[in-house]
Amino acid sequence: MVRLLLILVLVSGISTAAQANGLDFARQAQEADSRRDFEQSAILYSKAIESGDLQQGQMADALRYRGNANFFLGRFDAAAGDYINSLKRNPSDIYAALWLYLTRVSAGQDGTPELIRATKKLDLFYWPGPIANLFIGRITTDAVLEAAKDPFLDEATQVEQSCEAYFYAGQYALQNGDKEAAIRLFRAAVDTGVTSFIEYDAARLALERLGG
C-alpha cells in the first residue's frame, strides 16, 4: 500500500508550529523508509507518535508504518503491538490486519484467528480483501492475482494491486514451504516497478534474504 501519511499531512490544513514538528518527524521517517534505514525510521515514527501532534488517522498510519519498520528489523512483538494499536484507531484498515497476520506468522504463531476477528465486519470482496481471504484459506493464490487485475480499473491501479498481490502471494508461498514460488512471486512484485508501495520494498528485502 502506498504510504499515505504525508498525503494526509498535505490535505489536513494543519499549520501550527507544534503540529508541524510531529509531522516533520513523520516525513523524516518516510525518507528513512525510502533509504531502508528501518532503525532510524522506527525512531522517527516514535517521535512523531509521542509528539501528540498527529490526528487520529495520521496516528493510525504512523503506528502501522512503525510496525512495518519493526517487522523488517525482526522485532515482531513490537510490530504486533503497533499494528494492534493502529487497528484500534482505524478498525477498517485491512492492511494493518494483514501485516499483523504476517508478524504473527513470522514469529511462529497462528495469525489466522486474529485476522478473522479483525476483518469479520469488513467487506472482503473489494481490494485488498481478497488478500485476507487468501491467508484465511478461503481462496487460492491464482484468485488473488486475478482479482488484482480487475478489468473495471485503470491500468495503473491494476499494476499497483498486482504489486501487492505478488508480494502477499509470495508470503503465502513462503509460509507453505514453497521457496521457489515465493522467489518467483517476489520478483514479479519488484518487476511491477511500483516503488512507492511498501510491498515493493518488502519484496526486495525478502529476495535478498532468500538469496533470490
N, C-alpha and C. Protein backbone atom coordinates (compact mmCIF):
# COMPACT_ATOMS: atom_id res chain seq x y z
N MET A 1 0.84 -1.20 0.00
CA MET A 1 0.00 0.00 0.00
C MET A 1 0.87 1.24 0.00
N VAL A 2 0.49 2.23 -0.77
CA VAL A 2 1.25 3.48 -0.81
C VAL A 2 1.21 4.15 0.55
N ARG A 3 2.30 4.78 0.90
CA ARG A 3 2.37 5.46 2.19
C ARG A 3 1.50 6.71 2.13
N LEU A 4 0.51 6.78 3.02
CA LEU A 4 -0.49 7.83 2.94
C LEU A 4 -0.28 8.96 3.94
N LEU A 5 0.60 8.81 4.90
CA LEU A 5 0.70 9.79 5.96
C LEU A 5 1.00 11.18 5.44
N LEU A 6 1.94 11.30 4.52
CA LEU A 6 2.29 12.62 4.01
C LEU A 6 1.17 13.21 3.18
N ILE A 7 0.40 12.35 2.50
CA ILE A 7 -0.74 12.85 1.76
C ILE A 7 -1.75 13.45 2.72
N LEU A 8 -1.97 12.76 3.82
CA LEU A 8 -2.89 13.29 4.84
C LEU A 8 -2.38 14.60 5.39
N VAL A 9 -1.08 14.71 5.56
CA VAL A 9 -0.49 15.94 6.06
C VAL A 9 -0.77 17.10 5.11
N LEU A 10 -0.63 16.84 3.82
CA LEU A 10 -0.78 17.92 2.84
C LEU A 10 -2.21 18.43 2.75
N VAL A 11 -3.17 17.54 2.99
CA VAL A 11 -4.56 17.96 2.82
C VAL A 11 -5.24 18.33 4.13
N SER A 12 -4.53 18.17 5.25
CA SER A 12 -5.17 18.37 6.54
C SER A 12 -5.35 19.84 6.89
N GLY A 13 -4.57 20.72 6.28
CA GLY A 13 -4.68 22.14 6.59
C GLY A 13 -4.04 22.50 7.92
N ILE A 14 -3.23 21.62 8.47
CA ILE A 14 -2.58 21.89 9.75
C ILE A 14 -1.47 22.90 9.54
N SER A 15 -1.43 23.92 10.42
CA SER A 15 -0.46 24.97 10.18
C SER A 15 0.31 25.41 11.41
N THR A 16 -0.05 24.90 12.59
CA THR A 16 0.64 25.37 13.78
C THR A 16 2.04 24.80 13.84
N ALA A 17 2.92 25.52 14.51
CA ALA A 17 4.31 25.09 14.59
C ALA A 17 4.44 23.78 15.34
N ALA A 18 3.65 23.60 16.41
CA ALA A 18 3.75 22.38 17.20
C ALA A 18 3.37 21.17 16.36
N GLN A 19 2.26 21.27 15.61
CA GLN A 19 1.85 20.16 14.78
C GLN A 19 2.85 19.90 13.67
N ALA A 20 3.42 20.93 13.13
CA ALA A 20 4.40 20.75 12.07
C ALA A 20 5.58 19.94 12.56
N ASN A 21 5.94 20.06 13.84
CA ASN A 21 7.07 19.29 14.35
C ASN A 21 6.79 17.79 14.29
N GLY A 22 5.59 17.39 14.75
CA GLY A 22 5.25 15.98 14.71
C GLY A 22 5.19 15.46 13.29
N LEU A 23 4.62 16.25 12.39
CA LEU A 23 4.52 15.84 11.00
C LEU A 23 5.89 15.80 10.33
N ASP A 24 6.78 16.67 10.76
CA ASP A 24 8.12 16.66 10.20
C ASP A 24 8.85 15.38 10.58
N PHE A 25 8.65 14.91 11.81
CA PHE A 25 9.24 13.62 12.20
C PHE A 25 8.71 12.51 11.30
N ALA A 26 7.41 12.56 11.01
CA ALA A 26 6.81 11.54 10.13
C ALA A 26 7.42 11.62 8.74
N ARG A 27 7.60 12.84 8.23
CA ARG A 27 8.21 13.00 6.91
C ARG A 27 9.63 12.44 6.90
N GLN A 28 10.41 12.75 7.93
CA GLN A 28 11.77 12.23 8.01
C GLN A 28 11.77 10.70 8.10
N ALA A 29 10.78 10.16 8.82
CA ALA A 29 10.68 8.71 8.95
C ALA A 29 10.44 8.07 7.59
N GLN A 30 9.59 8.70 6.78
CA GLN A 30 9.32 8.14 5.46
C GLN A 30 10.54 8.25 4.55
N GLU A 31 11.33 9.28 4.74
CA GLU A 31 12.58 9.38 3.99
C GLU A 31 13.53 8.26 4.40
N ALA A 32 13.56 7.95 5.70
CA ALA A 32 14.38 6.84 6.18
C ALA A 32 13.87 5.52 5.61
N ASP A 33 12.55 5.37 5.51
CA ASP A 33 11.97 4.18 4.89
C ASP A 33 12.49 4.01 3.46
N SER A 34 12.51 5.12 2.72
CA SER A 34 12.94 5.04 1.32
C SER A 34 14.41 4.64 1.20
N ARG A 35 15.20 4.93 2.24
CA ARG A 35 16.61 4.51 2.29
C ARG A 35 16.77 3.12 2.88
N ARG A 36 15.63 2.57 3.34
CA ARG A 36 15.62 1.27 4.01
C ARG A 36 16.42 1.31 5.30
N ASP A 37 16.45 2.48 5.92
CA ASP A 37 17.07 2.65 7.23
C ASP A 37 15.97 2.48 8.27
N PHE A 38 15.60 1.24 8.53
CA PHE A 38 14.44 0.98 9.36
C PHE A 38 14.66 1.29 10.83
N GLU A 39 15.90 1.22 11.27
CA GLU A 39 16.20 1.61 12.65
C GLU A 39 15.88 3.08 12.86
N GLN A 40 16.36 3.92 11.95
CA GLN A 40 16.09 5.35 12.05
C GLN A 40 14.60 5.64 11.84
N SER A 41 13.99 4.90 10.94
CA SER A 41 12.57 5.07 10.67
C SER A 41 11.76 4.83 11.94
N ALA A 42 12.05 3.75 12.65
CA ALA A 42 11.31 3.43 13.88
C ALA A 42 11.48 4.53 14.93
N ILE A 43 12.69 5.06 15.04
CA ILE A 43 12.96 6.13 16.00
C ILE A 43 12.15 7.38 15.65
N LEU A 44 12.14 7.73 14.39
CA LEU A 44 11.45 8.95 13.96
C LEU A 44 9.93 8.81 14.05
N TYR A 45 9.41 7.64 13.70
CA TYR A 45 7.98 7.44 13.88
C TYR A 45 7.60 7.51 15.35
N SER A 46 8.48 7.00 16.21
CA SER A 46 8.21 7.10 17.65
C SER A 46 8.12 8.55 18.09
N LYS A 47 9.00 9.39 17.56
CA LYS A 47 8.96 10.81 17.90
C LYS A 47 7.67 11.45 17.40
N ALA A 48 7.26 11.08 16.20
CA ALA A 48 6.01 11.62 15.66
C ALA A 48 4.83 11.19 16.52
N ILE A 49 4.81 9.91 16.90
CA ILE A 49 3.71 9.38 17.71
C ILE A 49 3.68 10.04 19.08
N GLU A 50 4.85 10.22 19.68
CA GLU A 50 4.92 10.77 21.03
C GLU A 50 4.74 12.28 21.06
N SER A 51 4.77 12.92 19.91
CA SER A 51 4.64 14.38 19.86
C SER A 51 3.27 14.86 20.29
N GLY A 52 2.26 14.01 20.11
CA GLY A 52 0.90 14.42 20.42
C GLY A 52 0.30 15.32 19.36
N ASP A 53 0.96 15.45 18.23
CA ASP A 53 0.53 16.38 17.19
C ASP A 53 -0.34 15.74 16.12
N LEU A 54 -0.33 14.42 16.04
CA LEU A 54 -1.00 13.75 14.93
C LEU A 54 -2.49 13.57 15.19
N GLN A 55 -3.26 13.74 14.14
CA GLN A 55 -4.68 13.46 14.23
C GLN A 55 -4.90 11.95 14.22
N GLN A 56 -6.14 11.53 14.47
CA GLN A 56 -6.46 10.11 14.63
C GLN A 56 -5.98 9.27 13.46
N GLY A 57 -6.31 9.68 12.24
CA GLY A 57 -5.91 8.90 11.07
C GLY A 57 -4.40 8.90 10.88
N GLN A 58 -3.78 10.03 11.13
CA GLN A 58 -2.33 10.12 11.00
C GLN A 58 -1.63 9.25 12.05
N MET A 59 -2.20 9.20 13.25
CA MET A 59 -1.63 8.36 14.30
C MET A 59 -1.73 6.88 13.91
N ALA A 60 -2.87 6.50 13.35
CA ALA A 60 -3.04 5.11 12.91
C ALA A 60 -2.00 4.75 11.85
N ASP A 61 -1.79 5.67 10.90
CA ASP A 61 -0.80 5.42 9.85
C ASP A 61 0.61 5.33 10.43
N ALA A 62 0.95 6.26 11.31
CA ALA A 62 2.30 6.28 11.90
C ALA A 62 2.57 5.00 12.67
N LEU A 63 1.58 4.53 13.41
CA LEU A 63 1.74 3.28 14.16
C LEU A 63 1.95 2.10 13.21
N ARG A 64 1.17 2.09 12.11
CA ARG A 64 1.34 0.99 11.16
C ARG A 64 2.70 1.04 10.50
N TYR A 65 3.16 2.23 10.13
CA TYR A 65 4.46 2.34 9.48
C TYR A 65 5.60 2.01 10.44
N ARG A 66 5.45 2.40 11.71
CA ARG A 66 6.47 1.98 12.68
C ARG A 66 6.43 0.46 12.84
N GLY A 67 5.22 -0.09 12.79
CA GLY A 67 5.11 -1.55 12.82
C GLY A 67 5.86 -2.19 11.67
N ASN A 68 5.76 -1.60 10.47
CA ASN A 68 6.50 -2.13 9.33
C ASN A 68 8.00 -2.09 9.57
N ALA A 69 8.48 -0.96 10.11
CA ALA A 69 9.91 -0.84 10.40
C ALA A 69 10.34 -1.91 11.40
N ASN A 70 9.55 -2.09 12.45
CA ASN A 70 9.87 -3.12 13.44
C ASN A 70 9.82 -4.52 12.83
N PHE A 71 8.87 -4.72 11.92
CA PHE A 71 8.77 -6.01 11.24
C PHE A 71 10.06 -6.29 10.47
N PHE A 72 10.51 -5.32 9.68
CA PHE A 72 11.71 -5.50 8.89
C PHE A 72 12.95 -5.71 9.75
N LEU A 73 12.91 -5.17 10.96
CA LEU A 73 14.03 -5.32 11.90
C LEU A 73 13.93 -6.63 12.70
N GLY A 74 12.86 -7.38 12.48
CA GLY A 74 12.69 -8.64 13.19
C GLY A 74 12.16 -8.48 14.60
N ARG A 75 11.64 -7.31 14.93
CA ARG A 75 11.09 -7.06 16.26
C ARG A 75 9.59 -7.34 16.22
N PHE A 76 9.24 -8.60 16.20
CA PHE A 76 7.87 -8.98 15.91
C PHE A 76 6.90 -8.62 17.03
N ASP A 77 7.34 -8.70 18.28
CA ASP A 77 6.45 -8.31 19.38
C ASP A 77 6.11 -6.83 19.30
N ALA A 78 7.13 -6.01 19.05
CA ALA A 78 6.91 -4.57 18.93
C ALA A 78 6.03 -4.26 17.72
N ALA A 79 6.29 -4.95 16.61
CA ALA A 79 5.49 -4.73 15.40
C ALA A 79 4.03 -5.08 15.65
N ALA A 80 3.80 -6.21 16.30
CA ALA A 80 2.42 -6.63 16.59
C ALA A 80 1.71 -5.59 17.43
N GLY A 81 2.39 -5.06 18.43
CA GLY A 81 1.79 -4.04 19.27
C GLY A 81 1.41 -2.80 18.47
N ASP A 82 2.27 -2.42 17.54
CA ASP A 82 1.97 -1.25 16.70
C ASP A 82 0.75 -1.49 15.82
N TYR A 83 0.68 -2.67 15.21
CA TYR A 83 -0.46 -2.96 14.34
C TYR A 83 -1.77 -3.01 15.13
N ILE A 84 -1.71 -3.59 16.31
CA ILE A 84 -2.91 -3.67 17.16
C ILE A 84 -3.38 -2.26 17.53
N ASN A 85 -2.44 -1.41 17.92
CA ASN A 85 -2.81 -0.04 18.29
C ASN A 85 -3.29 0.76 17.08
N SER A 86 -2.72 0.48 15.91
CA SER A 86 -3.18 1.13 14.69
C SER A 86 -4.62 0.73 14.39
N LEU A 87 -4.93 -0.56 14.54
CA LEU A 87 -6.27 -1.05 14.27
C LEU A 87 -7.29 -0.48 15.27
N LYS A 88 -6.86 -0.22 16.48
CA LYS A 88 -7.77 0.39 17.45
C LYS A 88 -8.22 1.77 16.99
N ARG A 89 -7.34 2.47 16.29
CA ARG A 89 -7.65 3.81 15.81
C ARG A 89 -8.33 3.79 14.45
N ASN A 90 -8.09 2.73 13.70
CA ASN A 90 -8.70 2.61 12.37
C ASN A 90 -9.04 1.14 12.12
N PRO A 91 -10.16 0.66 12.68
CA PRO A 91 -10.51 -0.77 12.57
C PRO A 91 -10.77 -1.24 11.14
N SER A 92 -10.98 -0.32 10.22
CA SER A 92 -11.28 -0.72 8.85
C SER A 92 -10.03 -0.87 7.98
N ASP A 93 -8.85 -0.71 8.58
CA ASP A 93 -7.61 -0.77 7.82
C ASP A 93 -7.19 -2.23 7.63
N ILE A 94 -7.54 -2.79 6.49
CA ILE A 94 -7.20 -4.19 6.23
C ILE A 94 -5.69 -4.39 6.18
N TYR A 95 -4.96 -3.39 5.71
CA TYR A 95 -3.51 -3.54 5.61
C TYR A 95 -2.87 -3.75 6.98
N ALA A 96 -3.34 -3.03 7.98
CA ALA A 96 -2.81 -3.23 9.33
C ALA A 96 -3.10 -4.66 9.79
N ALA A 97 -4.28 -5.16 9.47
CA ALA A 97 -4.64 -6.53 9.83
C ALA A 97 -3.76 -7.54 9.10
N LEU A 98 -3.47 -7.27 7.82
CA LEU A 98 -2.61 -8.17 7.04
C LEU A 98 -1.21 -8.23 7.61
N TRP A 99 -0.66 -7.06 7.96
CA TRP A 99 0.70 -7.03 8.49
C TRP A 99 0.76 -7.63 9.90
N LEU A 100 -0.30 -7.48 10.66
CA LEU A 100 -0.36 -8.15 11.97
C LEU A 100 -0.31 -9.66 11.77
N TYR A 101 -1.04 -10.13 10.78
CA TYR A 101 -1.02 -11.56 10.46
C TYR A 101 0.40 -12.01 10.09
N LEU A 102 1.04 -11.26 9.19
CA LEU A 102 2.40 -11.63 8.77
C LEU A 102 3.36 -11.63 9.95
N THR A 103 3.16 -10.70 10.86
CA THR A 103 4.02 -10.62 12.05
C THR A 103 3.84 -11.86 12.92
N ARG A 104 2.61 -12.25 13.15
CA ARG A 104 2.35 -13.44 13.96
C ARG A 104 2.98 -14.68 13.32
N VAL A 105 2.79 -14.83 12.02
CA VAL A 105 3.34 -16.00 11.32
C VAL A 105 4.87 -15.98 11.38
N SER A 106 5.47 -14.81 11.19
CA SER A 106 6.92 -14.69 11.23
C SER A 106 7.48 -15.02 12.60
N ALA A 107 6.67 -14.83 13.63
CA ALA A 107 7.08 -15.15 15.00
C ALA A 107 6.74 -16.59 15.37
N GLY A 108 6.28 -17.36 14.39
CA GLY A 108 5.97 -18.76 14.63
C GLY A 108 4.62 -18.98 15.29
N GLN A 109 3.73 -18.01 15.18
CA GLN A 109 2.41 -18.09 15.79
C GLN A 109 1.33 -18.24 14.72
N ASP A 110 0.13 -18.58 15.15
CA ASP A 110 -1.00 -18.69 14.24
C ASP A 110 -1.72 -17.35 14.20
N GLY A 111 -1.60 -16.64 13.07
CA GLY A 111 -2.22 -15.33 12.97
C GLY A 111 -3.62 -15.36 12.40
N THR A 112 -4.11 -16.56 12.03
CA THR A 112 -5.41 -16.64 11.37
C THR A 112 -6.58 -16.18 12.24
N PRO A 113 -6.70 -16.66 13.49
CA PRO A 113 -7.85 -16.23 14.30
C PRO A 113 -7.92 -14.71 14.46
N GLU A 114 -6.77 -14.08 14.64
CA GLU A 114 -6.72 -12.63 14.80
C GLU A 114 -7.14 -11.92 13.51
N LEU A 115 -6.71 -12.46 12.37
CA LEU A 115 -7.08 -11.87 11.08
C LEU A 115 -8.58 -12.01 10.84
N ILE A 116 -9.14 -13.14 11.21
CA ILE A 116 -10.58 -13.34 11.05
C ILE A 116 -11.35 -12.34 11.90
N ARG A 117 -10.91 -12.15 13.15
CA ARG A 117 -11.60 -11.20 14.03
C ARG A 117 -11.49 -9.78 13.50
N ALA A 118 -10.31 -9.43 13.00
CA ALA A 118 -10.07 -8.06 12.55
C ALA A 118 -10.86 -7.72 11.29
N THR A 119 -11.21 -8.73 10.51
CA THR A 119 -11.86 -8.46 9.21
C THR A 119 -13.31 -8.95 9.15
N LYS A 120 -13.84 -9.48 10.23
CA LYS A 120 -15.16 -10.12 10.16
C LYS A 120 -16.28 -9.14 9.80
N LYS A 121 -16.10 -7.86 10.11
CA LYS A 121 -17.14 -6.88 9.81
C LYS A 121 -16.83 -6.10 8.53
N LEU A 122 -15.76 -6.48 7.84
CA LEU A 122 -15.35 -5.76 6.64
C LEU A 122 -15.77 -6.50 5.37
N ASP A 123 -15.99 -5.77 4.31
CA ASP A 123 -16.32 -6.36 3.02
C ASP A 123 -15.03 -6.77 2.32
N LEU A 124 -14.79 -8.07 2.27
CA LEU A 124 -13.55 -8.58 1.71
C LEU A 124 -13.66 -8.87 0.21
N PHE A 125 -14.78 -8.50 -0.38
CA PHE A 125 -14.90 -8.68 -1.83
C PHE A 125 -13.99 -7.70 -2.57
N TYR A 126 -13.93 -6.48 -2.05
CA TYR A 126 -13.14 -5.43 -2.69
C TYR A 126 -11.71 -5.44 -2.18
N TRP A 127 -10.80 -4.99 -3.03
CA TRP A 127 -9.38 -4.95 -2.71
C TRP A 127 -9.11 -4.05 -1.51
N PRO A 128 -8.22 -4.50 -0.58
CA PRO A 128 -7.37 -5.70 -0.59
C PRO A 128 -7.99 -6.90 0.12
N GLY A 129 -9.32 -6.93 0.21
CA GLY A 129 -9.99 -8.04 0.88
C GLY A 129 -9.59 -9.42 0.39
N PRO A 130 -9.42 -9.63 -0.93
CA PRO A 130 -9.01 -10.96 -1.39
C PRO A 130 -7.71 -11.47 -0.76
N ILE A 131 -6.81 -10.57 -0.39
CA ILE A 131 -5.57 -11.00 0.24
C ILE A 131 -5.87 -11.62 1.60
N ALA A 132 -6.76 -10.97 2.37
CA ALA A 132 -7.16 -11.54 3.65
C ALA A 132 -7.80 -12.90 3.46
N ASN A 133 -8.64 -13.01 2.44
CA ASN A 133 -9.28 -14.30 2.17
C ASN A 133 -8.26 -15.38 1.80
N LEU A 134 -7.18 -15.00 1.14
CA LEU A 134 -6.11 -15.95 0.83
C LEU A 134 -5.48 -16.48 2.11
N PHE A 135 -5.11 -15.59 3.01
CA PHE A 135 -4.46 -16.01 4.25
C PHE A 135 -5.40 -16.81 5.14
N ILE A 136 -6.67 -16.49 5.09
CA ILE A 136 -7.64 -17.23 5.89
C ILE A 136 -7.91 -18.61 5.30
N GLY A 137 -7.62 -18.77 4.00
CA GLY A 137 -7.79 -20.06 3.35
C GLY A 137 -9.07 -20.20 2.56
N ARG A 138 -9.68 -19.09 2.21
CA ARG A 138 -10.96 -19.11 1.51
C ARG A 138 -10.80 -19.12 -0.01
N ILE A 139 -9.70 -18.58 -0.52
CA ILE A 139 -9.47 -18.54 -1.96
C ILE A 139 -8.03 -18.92 -2.26
N THR A 140 -7.72 -19.10 -3.54
CA THR A 140 -6.39 -19.52 -3.97
C THR A 140 -5.52 -18.33 -4.37
N THR A 141 -4.24 -18.59 -4.51
CA THR A 141 -3.31 -17.57 -4.98
C THR A 141 -3.71 -17.06 -6.36
N ASP A 142 -4.08 -17.96 -7.25
CA ASP A 142 -4.49 -17.55 -8.60
C ASP A 142 -5.69 -16.60 -8.54
N ALA A 143 -6.61 -16.84 -7.62
CA ALA A 143 -7.78 -15.98 -7.49
C ALA A 143 -7.39 -14.58 -7.04
N VAL A 144 -6.39 -14.50 -6.16
CA VAL A 144 -5.92 -13.19 -5.70
C VAL A 144 -5.26 -12.43 -6.84
N LEU A 145 -4.42 -13.10 -7.59
CA LEU A 145 -3.73 -12.45 -8.70
C LEU A 145 -4.72 -11.99 -9.76
N GLU A 146 -5.78 -12.76 -9.96
CA GLU A 146 -6.81 -12.38 -10.92
C GLU A 146 -7.60 -11.18 -10.41
N ALA A 147 -7.92 -11.18 -9.11
CA ALA A 147 -8.68 -10.08 -8.52
C ALA A 147 -7.91 -8.76 -8.61
N ALA A 148 -6.60 -8.85 -8.53
CA ALA A 148 -5.77 -7.63 -8.60
C ALA A 148 -5.90 -6.95 -9.94
N LYS A 149 -6.15 -7.72 -10.98
CA LYS A 149 -6.24 -7.17 -12.34
C LYS A 149 -7.70 -6.96 -12.75
N ASP A 150 -8.44 -6.36 -11.86
CA ASP A 150 -9.85 -6.07 -12.10
C ASP A 150 -9.99 -5.25 -13.40
N PRO A 151 -10.68 -5.78 -14.41
CA PRO A 151 -10.78 -5.08 -15.70
C PRO A 151 -11.55 -3.77 -15.63
N PHE A 152 -12.27 -3.55 -14.54
CA PHE A 152 -13.02 -2.30 -14.40
C PHE A 152 -12.13 -1.16 -13.88
N LEU A 153 -10.89 -1.49 -13.52
CA LEU A 153 -9.96 -0.48 -13.02
C LEU A 153 -9.00 -0.05 -14.11
N ASP A 154 -8.42 1.13 -13.95
CA ASP A 154 -7.44 1.60 -14.94
C ASP A 154 -6.16 0.78 -14.82
N GLU A 155 -5.35 0.87 -15.84
CA GLU A 155 -4.14 0.04 -15.91
C GLU A 155 -3.18 0.31 -14.76
N ALA A 156 -3.01 1.57 -14.38
CA ALA A 156 -2.09 1.92 -13.29
C ALA A 156 -2.52 1.26 -11.98
N THR A 157 -3.81 1.28 -11.71
CA THR A 157 -4.31 0.67 -10.48
C THR A 157 -4.15 -0.84 -10.52
N GLN A 158 -4.35 -1.43 -11.67
CA GLN A 158 -4.14 -2.87 -11.80
C GLN A 158 -2.69 -3.24 -11.50
N VAL A 159 -1.76 -2.43 -11.98
CA VAL A 159 -0.34 -2.71 -11.74
C VAL A 159 -0.02 -2.56 -10.24
N GLU A 160 -0.57 -1.53 -9.61
CA GLU A 160 -0.34 -1.32 -8.18
C GLU A 160 -0.89 -2.49 -7.36
N GLN A 161 -2.11 -2.89 -7.68
CA GLN A 161 -2.70 -4.00 -6.95
C GLN A 161 -1.95 -5.30 -7.23
N SER A 162 -1.42 -5.44 -8.42
CA SER A 162 -0.64 -6.63 -8.75
C SER A 162 0.64 -6.68 -7.94
N CYS A 163 1.27 -5.53 -7.72
CA CYS A 163 2.46 -5.48 -6.87
C CYS A 163 2.13 -6.03 -5.49
N GLU A 164 1.02 -5.57 -4.95
CA GLU A 164 0.59 -6.07 -3.64
C GLU A 164 0.28 -7.56 -3.69
N ALA A 165 -0.46 -7.96 -4.71
CA ALA A 165 -0.87 -9.36 -4.82
C ALA A 165 0.34 -10.29 -4.90
N TYR A 166 1.31 -9.93 -5.72
CA TYR A 166 2.51 -10.76 -5.85
C TYR A 166 3.25 -10.87 -4.52
N PHE A 167 3.37 -9.74 -3.81
CA PHE A 167 4.09 -9.78 -2.54
C PHE A 167 3.39 -10.69 -1.53
N TYR A 168 2.10 -10.46 -1.32
CA TYR A 168 1.40 -11.25 -0.32
C TYR A 168 1.29 -12.72 -0.74
N ALA A 169 1.14 -12.97 -2.03
CA ALA A 169 1.13 -14.35 -2.51
C ALA A 169 2.49 -15.00 -2.27
N GLY A 170 3.57 -14.21 -2.40
CA GLY A 170 4.90 -14.72 -2.10
C GLY A 170 5.03 -15.09 -0.63
N GLN A 171 4.47 -14.26 0.23
CA GLN A 171 4.48 -14.57 1.66
C GLN A 171 3.70 -15.85 1.93
N TYR A 172 2.57 -16.00 1.26
CA TYR A 172 1.75 -17.20 1.43
C TYR A 172 2.53 -18.44 0.99
N ALA A 173 3.22 -18.34 -0.14
CA ALA A 173 4.02 -19.47 -0.63
C ALA A 173 5.12 -19.81 0.36
N LEU A 174 5.75 -18.78 0.90
CA LEU A 174 6.83 -18.99 1.87
C LEU A 174 6.31 -19.70 3.11
N GLN A 175 5.13 -19.29 3.56
CA GLN A 175 4.54 -19.91 4.75
C GLN A 175 4.24 -21.39 4.52
N ASN A 176 3.99 -21.72 3.26
CA ASN A 176 3.66 -23.10 2.90
C ASN A 176 4.87 -23.88 2.41
N GLY A 177 6.07 -23.32 2.63
CA GLY A 177 7.29 -24.04 2.35
C GLY A 177 7.71 -24.08 0.89
N ASP A 178 7.10 -23.26 0.04
CA ASP A 178 7.45 -23.26 -1.39
C ASP A 178 8.35 -22.06 -1.67
N LYS A 179 9.63 -22.23 -1.40
CA LYS A 179 10.59 -21.15 -1.57
C LYS A 179 10.72 -20.72 -3.02
N GLU A 180 10.69 -21.67 -3.93
CA GLU A 180 10.83 -21.35 -5.36
C GLU A 180 9.69 -20.45 -5.83
N ALA A 181 8.47 -20.80 -5.45
CA ALA A 181 7.31 -19.98 -5.83
C ALA A 181 7.39 -18.62 -5.17
N ALA A 182 7.85 -18.58 -3.92
CA ALA A 182 7.96 -17.31 -3.20
C ALA A 182 8.92 -16.37 -3.92
N ILE A 183 10.07 -16.88 -4.32
CA ILE A 183 11.05 -16.06 -5.03
C ILE A 183 10.46 -15.55 -6.34
N ARG A 184 9.78 -16.41 -7.07
CA ARG A 184 9.17 -16.01 -8.34
C ARG A 184 8.15 -14.89 -8.13
N LEU A 185 7.34 -15.01 -7.10
CA LEU A 185 6.30 -14.01 -6.84
C LEU A 185 6.90 -12.71 -6.33
N PHE A 186 7.91 -12.78 -5.48
CA PHE A 186 8.56 -11.56 -5.02
C PHE A 186 9.23 -10.83 -6.18
N ARG A 187 9.83 -11.58 -7.08
CA ARG A 187 10.43 -10.95 -8.26
C ARG A 187 9.36 -10.25 -9.10
N ALA A 188 8.22 -10.89 -9.23
CA ALA A 188 7.13 -10.29 -10.00
C ALA A 188 6.66 -8.99 -9.35
N ALA A 189 6.63 -8.96 -8.02
CA ALA A 189 6.25 -7.74 -7.32
C ALA A 189 7.23 -6.62 -7.63
N VAL A 190 8.51 -6.93 -7.59
CA VAL A 190 9.54 -5.93 -7.89
C VAL A 190 9.46 -5.50 -9.35
N ASP A 191 9.18 -6.43 -10.23
CA ASP A 191 9.12 -6.12 -11.66
C ASP A 191 7.99 -5.15 -12.02
N THR A 192 7.00 -5.01 -11.13
CA THR A 192 5.94 -4.03 -11.41
C THR A 192 6.48 -2.61 -11.37
N GLY A 193 7.57 -2.39 -10.65
CA GLY A 193 8.17 -1.06 -10.56
C GLY A 193 7.38 -0.07 -9.73
N VAL A 194 6.49 -0.57 -8.86
CA VAL A 194 5.68 0.33 -8.03
C VAL A 194 6.48 0.68 -6.78
N THR A 195 7.46 1.54 -6.94
CA THR A 195 8.43 1.79 -5.88
C THR A 195 7.86 2.56 -4.69
N SER A 196 6.71 3.18 -4.85
CA SER A 196 6.12 3.94 -3.75
C SER A 196 5.35 3.06 -2.77
N PHE A 197 5.20 1.77 -3.08
CA PHE A 197 4.45 0.86 -2.22
C PHE A 197 5.38 0.12 -1.28
N ILE A 198 4.94 -0.06 -0.05
CA ILE A 198 5.74 -0.77 0.93
C ILE A 198 5.95 -2.22 0.51
N GLU A 199 4.99 -2.78 -0.22
CA GLU A 199 5.12 -4.16 -0.67
C GLU A 199 6.28 -4.33 -1.65
N TYR A 200 6.57 -3.30 -2.43
CA TYR A 200 7.72 -3.34 -3.34
C TYR A 200 9.02 -3.47 -2.53
N ASP A 201 9.17 -2.61 -1.52
CA ASP A 201 10.37 -2.67 -0.67
C ASP A 201 10.45 -4.00 0.07
N ALA A 202 9.30 -4.46 0.57
CA ALA A 202 9.28 -5.72 1.32
C ALA A 202 9.65 -6.90 0.42
N ALA A 203 9.21 -6.86 -0.83
CA ALA A 203 9.56 -7.93 -1.76
C ALA A 203 11.05 -7.93 -2.05
N ARG A 204 11.63 -6.74 -2.24
CA ARG A 204 13.08 -6.66 -2.46
C ARG A 204 13.84 -7.22 -1.27
N LEU A 205 13.43 -6.86 -0.07
CA LEU A 205 14.09 -7.33 1.13
C LEU A 205 13.96 -8.84 1.26
N ALA A 206 12.78 -9.35 0.94
CA ALA A 206 12.56 -10.80 1.02
C ALA A 206 13.47 -11.54 0.03
N LEU A 207 13.64 -10.98 -1.16
CA LEU A 207 14.51 -11.61 -2.15
C LEU A 207 15.95 -11.65 -1.67
N GLU A 208 16.40 -10.58 -1.04
CA GLU A 208 17.76 -10.53 -0.51
C GLU A 208 17.95 -11.62 0.54
N ARG A 209 16.97 -11.78 1.39
CA ARG A 209 17.09 -12.77 2.47
C ARG A 209 16.98 -14.20 1.96
N LEU A 210 16.26 -14.38 0.83
CA LEU A 210 16.11 -15.71 0.26
C LEU A 210 17.22 -16.04 -0.73
N GLY A 211 18.08 -15.06 -1.02
CA GLY A 211 19.12 -15.28 -1.99
C GLY A 211 18.62 -15.35 -3.40
N GLY A 212 17.48 -14.65 -3.63
CA GLY A 212 16.87 -14.69 -4.96
C GLY A 212 17.08 -13.44 -5.76
